[in-house]
Protein backbone atom coordinates (compact mmCIF):
# COMPACT_ATOMS: atom_id res chain seq x y z
CA MET A 1 24.23 -59.77 -49.14
CA ASN A 2 23.30 -58.40 -45.75
CA THR A 3 20.20 -56.42 -44.87
CA SER A 4 21.71 -52.94 -45.18
CA GLN A 5 23.01 -53.69 -48.68
CA ILE A 6 19.53 -54.82 -49.72
CA TYR A 7 18.05 -51.54 -48.40
CA VAL A 8 20.65 -49.54 -50.32
CA ALA A 9 19.95 -51.49 -53.52
CA VAL A 10 16.19 -50.99 -53.17
CA SER A 11 16.69 -47.27 -52.47
CA ILE A 12 18.83 -46.86 -55.58
CA VAL A 13 16.24 -48.62 -57.73
CA VAL A 14 13.41 -46.49 -56.33
CA LEU A 15 15.37 -43.25 -56.84
CA ALA A 16 16.21 -44.29 -60.41
CA LEU A 17 12.52 -44.94 -61.12
CA ILE A 18 11.59 -41.55 -59.67
CA ALA A 19 14.26 -39.88 -61.82
CA LEU A 20 12.91 -41.58 -64.93
CA LEU A 21 9.36 -40.50 -64.12
CA VAL A 22 10.50 -36.91 -63.59
CA LEU A 23 12.40 -36.93 -66.88
CA PHE A 24 9.53 -38.32 -68.92
CA ARG A 25 6.82 -36.20 -67.28
CA GLY A 26 9.04 -33.13 -67.30
CA LYS A 27 9.12 -33.04 -71.10
CA SER A 28 5.36 -32.79 -71.35
CA ARG A 29 5.09 -30.04 -68.72
CA LYS A 30 7.37 -27.08 -69.08
CA LYS A 31 6.19 -25.48 -65.83
CA ASN A 32 7.31 -28.30 -63.56
CA ARG A 33 10.77 -28.91 -64.98
CA LEU A 34 13.51 -30.05 -62.64
CA THR A 35 15.68 -27.06 -61.75
CA PRO A 36 19.46 -27.36 -61.76
CA LEU A 37 19.50 -26.92 -57.98
CA ALA A 38 16.97 -29.74 -57.53
CA GLY A 39 19.04 -31.95 -59.84
CA LEU A 40 22.13 -31.22 -57.77
CA ALA A 41 20.22 -32.04 -54.59
CA PHE A 42 19.07 -35.32 -56.14
CA GLY A 43 22.68 -36.13 -57.06
CA PHE A 44 23.91 -35.49 -53.51
CA ILE A 45 21.16 -37.67 -52.04
CA PHE A 46 21.95 -40.42 -54.53
CA ALA A 47 25.66 -40.18 -53.67
CA GLY A 48 24.82 -40.30 -49.96
CA ILE A 49 22.98 -43.57 -50.50
CA ILE A 50 25.82 -45.03 -52.53
CA PHE A 51 28.49 -43.99 -50.01
CA GLY A 52 26.33 -44.92 -47.02
CA ASP A 53 28.84 -47.47 -45.74
CA ASP A 54 30.87 -44.67 -44.17
CA ARG A 55 28.31 -42.94 -41.97
CA PHE A 56 30.03 -39.57 -41.84
CA ILE A 57 30.32 -39.25 -45.62
CA GLY A 58 26.89 -40.75 -46.32
CA TYR A 59 25.01 -38.58 -43.86
CA SER A 60 26.95 -35.49 -44.91
CA LEU A 61 26.00 -36.00 -48.56
CA LEU A 62 22.37 -36.69 -47.62
CA GLY A 63 22.30 -33.56 -45.47
CA ILE A 64 23.72 -31.40 -48.26
CA GLY A 65 21.12 -32.81 -50.65
CA VAL A 66 18.25 -32.08 -48.27
CA ILE A 67 19.50 -28.54 -47.64
CA LEU A 68 19.75 -27.86 -51.38
CA ALA A 69 16.25 -29.26 -51.91
CA VAL A 70 14.83 -27.00 -49.18
CA ILE A 71 16.59 -23.97 -50.70
CA ASP A 72 15.08 -24.87 -54.08
CA ILE A 73 11.62 -25.16 -52.54
CA PHE A 74 11.91 -21.71 -50.95
CA LYS A 75 13.13 -20.22 -54.24
CA LYS A 76 10.11 -21.67 -56.06
CA ILE A 77 7.72 -20.35 -53.41
CA LYS A 78 9.10 -16.80 -53.75
CA GLU A 79 8.65 -16.79 -57.55
């Protein structure tokens, strides 16, 4: 396993832990639930990490995820 594969594996594990924390904490707090748009953004970022071997596809998926997350943040601020 080379260095970039180790970074990808560690990133996937960290994102999975964050997702689990959000799911378990989200049930106790109804105000801070994960919106569908934020979930979609998380999925795109996760896919960008998985498909990171091809830079164009990986960075495109990461970019889409970040854009969706920013849109979700602005929607929450306006509410």
